[in-house]
C-alpha atoms as a PDB file:
ATOM      1  CA  MET A   1      75.784 151.655   2.709  1.00  0.00           C
ATOM      2  CA  ARG A   2      73.221 153.567   0.678  1.00  0.00           C
ATOM      3  CA  GLU A   3      70.642 150.851   1.399  1.00  0.00           C
ATOM      4  CA  LYS A   4      71.311 151.022   5.146  1.00  0.00           C
ATOM      5  CA  LEU A   5      70.887 154.794   5.130  1.00  0.00           C
ATOM      6  CA  THR A   6      67.646 154.447   3.187  1.00  0.00           C
ATOM      7  CA  HIS A   7      66.374 151.861   5.706  1.00  0.00           C
ATOM      8  CA  TYR A   8      67.320 154.233   8.522  1.00  0.00           C
ATOM      9  CA  ILE A   9      65.235 157.000   6.946  1.00  0.00           C
ATOM     10  CA  GLU A  10      62.261 154.620   6.783  1.00  0.00           C
ATOM     11  CA  ILE A  11      62.327 154.194  10.601  1.00  0.00           C
ATOM     12  CA  PRO A  12      59.644 156.365  12.249  1.00  0.00           C
ATOM     13  CA  ALA A  13      61.009 159.876  12.839  1.00  0.00           C
ATOM     14  CA  GLN A  14      60.108 159.885  16.550  1.00  0.00           C
ATOM     15  CA  VAL A  15      62.542 156.985  17.110  1.00  0.00           C
ATOM     16  CA  ARG A  16      65.452 158.151  14.931  1.00  0.00           C
ATOM     17  CA  GLY A  17      68.214 160.045  16.678  1.00  0.00           C
ATOM     18  CA  PHE A  18      69.298 161.803  13.489  1.00  0.00           C
ATOM     19  CA  GLU A  19      67.395 163.695  10.822  1.00  0.00           C
ATOM     20  CA  PRO A  20      68.574 163.557   7.200  1.00  0.00           C
ATOM     21  CA  GLY A  21      69.344 166.821   5.449  1.00  0.00           C
ATOM     22  CA  GLU A  22      68.449 167.416   1.822  1.00  0.00           C
ATOM     23  CA  LEU A  23      67.535 164.235  -0.013  1.00  0.00           C
ATOM     24  CA  ARG A  24      67.514 163.672  -3.741  1.00  0.00           C
ATOM     25  CA  GLY A  25      64.338 161.667  -4.134  1.00  0.00           C
ATOM     26  CA  HIS A  26      63.506 159.274  -1.296  1.00  0.00           C
ATOM     27  CA  ARG A  27      66.914 157.658  -1.012  1.00  0.00           C
ATOM     28  CA  ALA A  28      69.869 158.613   1.123  1.00  0.00           C
ATOM     29  CA  GLU A  29      73.263 159.015  -0.486  1.00  0.00           C
ATOM     30  CA  PRO A  30      76.606 158.538   1.304  1.00  0.00           C
ATOM     31  CA  SER A  31      76.947 162.341   1.045  1.00  0.00           C
ATOM     32  CA  THR A  32      73.645 162.940   2.908  1.00  0.00           C
ATOM     33  CA  VAL A  33      74.247 164.981   6.058  1.00  0.00           C
ATOM     34  CA  PHE A  34      72.401 163.824   9.175  1.00  0.00           C
ATOM     35  CA  THR A  35      71.871 166.180  12.109  1.00  0.00           C
ATOM     36  CA  ARG A  36      71.206 165.082  15.657  1.00  0.00           C
ATOM     37  CA  ARG A  37      67.690 165.638  16.917  1.00  0.00           C
ATOM     38  CA  PRO A  38      66.028 165.289  20.329  1.00  0.00           C
ATOM     39  CA  VAL A  39      63.862 162.197  20.680  1.00  0.00           C
ATOM     40  CA  PRO A  40      61.237 161.276  23.284  1.00  0.00           C
ATOM     41  CA  TYR A  41      62.393 157.633  23.374  1.00  0.00           C
ATOM     42  CA  ALA A  42      65.712 156.897  25.088  1.00  0.00           C
ATOM     43  CA  ALA A  43      66.326 160.631  25.303  1.00  0.00           C
ATOM     44  CA  ARG A  44      69.747 160.246  26.987  1.00  0.00           C
ATOM     45  CA  ARG A  45      71.100 157.787  24.423  1.00  0.00           C
ATOM     46  CA  HIS A  46      73.473 160.239  22.716  1.00  0.00           C
ATOM     47  CA  GLU A  47      74.943 161.223  26.071  1.00  0.00           C
ATOM     48  CA  LEU A  48      75.246 157.564  27.083  1.00  0.00           C
ATOM     49  CA  TYR A  49      76.860 156.572  23.758  1.00  0.00           C
ATOM     50  CA  ARG A  50      79.410 159.365  24.087  1.00  0.00           C
ATOM     51  CA  GLN A  51      80.183 158.362  27.690  1.00  0.00           C
ATOM     52  CA  LYS A  52      80.612 154.686  26.840  1.00  0.00           C
ATOM     53  CA  LEU A  53      82.797 155.427  23.820  1.00  0.00           C
ATOM     54  CA  SER A  54      85.111 157.512  26.008  1.00  0.00           C
ATOM     55  CA  GLU A  55      85.609 154.693  28.550  1.00  0.00           C
ATOM     56  CA  THR A  56      88.321 152.084  28.080  1.00  0.00           C
ATOM     57  CA  ALA A  57      86.915 148.595  27.746  1.00  0.00           C
ATOM     58  CA  PRO A  58      88.311 146.150  30.324  1.00  0.00           C
ATOM     59  CA  TYR A  59      90.781 143.595  29.046  1.00  0.00           C
ATOM     60  CA  GLN A  60      90.675 140.036  30.250  1.00  0.00           C
ATOM     61  CA  ALA A  61      92.938 137.259  29.035  1.00  0.00           C
ATOM     62  CA  SER A  62      90.955 134.070  29.186  1.00  0.00           C
ATOM     63  CA  THR A  63      90.675 130.777  27.413  1.00  0.00           C
ATOM     64  CA  ARG A  64      87.857 128.291  27.086  1.00  0.00           C
ATOM     65  CA  TYR A  65      90.151 125.283  27.253  1.00  0.00           C
ATOM     66  CA  ARG A  66      92.675 124.173  29.812  1.00  0.00           C
ATOM     67  CA  PRO A  67      95.950 122.858  28.424  1.00  0.00           C
ATOM     68  CA  ALA A  68      96.238 119.100  28.201  1.00  0.00           C
ATOM     69  CA  PRO A  69      98.564 117.719  30.862  1.00  0.00           C
ATOM     70  CA  PRO A  70     101.731 115.857  29.830  1.00  0.00           C
ATOM     71  CA  ASP A  71     101.457 112.136  29.090  1.00  0.00           C
ATOM     72  CA  THR A  72      97.836 112.276  27.922  1.00  0.00           C
ATOM     73  CA  THR A  73      96.108 111.438  24.665  1.00  0.00           C
ATOM     74  CA  CYS A  74      93.440 113.728  23.261  1.00  0.00           C
ATOM     75  CA  LEU A  75      90.841 112.733  20.691  1.00  0.00           C
ATOM     76  CA  PHE A  76      89.141 115.157  18.318  1.00  0.00           C
ATOM     77  CA  LYS A  77      86.817 115.042  15.335  1.00  0.00           C
ATOM     78  CA  ARG A  78      87.862 116.662  12.050  1.00  0.00           C
ATOM     79  CA  VAL A  79      85.602 118.639   9.734  1.00  0.00           C
ATOM     80  CA  ASP A  80      85.390 115.711   7.317  1.00  0.00           C
ATOM     81  CA  GLY A  81      84.057 113.487  10.136  1.00  0.00           C
ATOM     82  CA  SER A  82      87.207 111.428  10.656  1.00  0.00           C
ATOM     83  CA  ARG A  83      88.688 111.119  14.124  1.00  0.00           C
ATOM     84  CA  GLU A  84      92.238 111.936  15.102  1.00  0.00           C
ATOM     85  CA  GLN A  85      94.265 111.623  18.262  1.00  0.00           C
ATOM     86  CA  ILE A  86      97.354 113.305  19.570  1.00  0.00           C
ATOM     87  CA  ARG A  87      99.534 112.236  22.458  1.00  0.00           C
ATOM     88  CA  PHE A  88     101.372 114.791  24.545  1.00  0.00           C
ATOM     89  CA  PRO A  89     104.651 113.304  25.817  1.00  0.00           C
ATOM     90  CA  GLU A  90     105.501 113.338  29.495  1.00  0.00           C
ATOM     91  CA  THR A  91     108.496 115.565  28.718  1.00  0.00           C
ATOM     92  CA  LEU A  92     106.167 118.356  27.569  1.00  0.00           C
ATOM     93  CA  ARG A  93     106.324 121.423  29.772  1.00  0.00           C
ATOM     94  CA  LEU A  94     103.152 123.355  30.464  1.00  0.00           C
ATOM     95  CA  ALA A  95     103.149 126.969  29.328  1.00  0.00           C
ATOM     96  CA  LEU A  96     102.929 129.713  31.880  1.00  0.00           C
ATOM     97  CA  ALA A  97      99.561 131.369  32.365  1.00  0.00           C
ATOM     98  CA  PRO A  98      99.148 134.514  30.264  1.00  0.00           C
ATOM     99  CA  PRO A  99      99.820 137.710  32.186  1.00  0.00           C
ATOM    100  CA  THR A 100      96.883 139.751  33.392  1.00  0.00           C
ATOM    101  CA  LEU A 101      97.033 143.114  31.707  1.00  0.00           C
ATOM    102  CA  LEU A 102      95.633 146.173  33.380  1.00  0.00           C
ATOM    103  CA  PRO A 103      93.396 148.360  31.234  1.00  0.00           C
ATOM    104  CA  VAL A 104      94.963 151.554  30.004  1.00  0.00           C
ATOM    105  CA  THR A 105      93.153 154.850  30.418  1.00  0.00           C
ATOM    106  CA  SER A 106      94.304 156.113  27.050  1.00  0.00           C
ATOM    107  CA  ARG A 107      96.688 155.251  24.309  1.00  0.00           C
ATOM    108  CA  THR A 108      98.249 157.061  21.457  1.00  0.00           C
ATOM    109  CA  ARG A 109      98.997 155.625  18.086  1.00  0.00           C
ATOM    110  CA  GLU A 110     100.858 156.971  15.132  1.00  0.00           C
ATOM    111  CA  PRO A 111      98.490 158.198  12.425  1.00  0.00           C
ATOM    112  CA  ILE A 112      98.021 155.861   9.500  1.00  0.00           C
ATOM    113  CA  GLN A 113      99.408 157.323   6.299  1.00  0.00           C
ATOM    114  CA  LEU A 114      96.843 157.046   3.509  1.00  0.00           C
ATOM    115  CA  THR A 115      97.099 158.227  -0.042  1.00  0.00           C
ATOM    116  CA  ARG A 116      94.272 159.342  -2.291  1.00  0.00           C
ATOM    117  CA  GLY A 117      94.709 156.040  -4.164  1.00  0.00           C
ATOM    118  CA  ASP A 118      94.187 154.099  -0.921  1.00  0.00           C
ATOM    119  CA  LEU A 119      90.942 155.973  -0.270  1.00  0.00           C
ATOM    120  CA  GLN A 120      89.722 155.465  -3.837  1.00  0.00           C
ATOM    121  CA  GLN A 121      90.450 151.744  -3.643  1.00  0.00           C
ATOM    122  CA  ALA A 122      88.597 151.465  -0.315  1.00  0.00           C
ATOM    123  CA  ALA A 123      85.633 153.380  -1.735  1.00  0.00           C
ATOM    124  CA  SER A 124      85.444 151.165  -4.822  1.00  0.00           C
ATOM    125  CA  GLU A 125      85.556 148.023  -2.631  1.00  0.00           C
ATOM    126  CA  MET A 126      82.749 149.376  -0.438  1.00  0.00           C
ATOM    127  CA  ASP A 127      80.584 150.190  -3.438  1.00  0.00           C
ATOM    128  CA  THR A 128      81.024 146.750  -4.995  1.00  0.00           C
ATOM    129  CA  PRO A 129      78.096 144.430  -4.085  1.00  0.00           C
END
């Protein structure tokens, strides 16, 4: 993460949307505070990001493959290069199509209970290259 923050600081200031606070040396630390700043390029981007993050993404149940009909044989190639086949018996019933779910405007979830140990473990895993 430190490297990504340092790379961000190296981007020309007129393009960055955030300005780093006090830096120790020329590197950003995870504790570095960044403040939002106006930029001449894509000036409405913060407003647009906030708007898009507040919208619910549409949900669409889809599949790339149609189910094989009963009484057919399908051939496929395995990772090791060998070929396999499977035959679907005529007694096989086709599954129903998945239901179309309407997008929700909001949802509430129970907060996740975390302990200090959980946070320390996560931090140590993030800091490990």
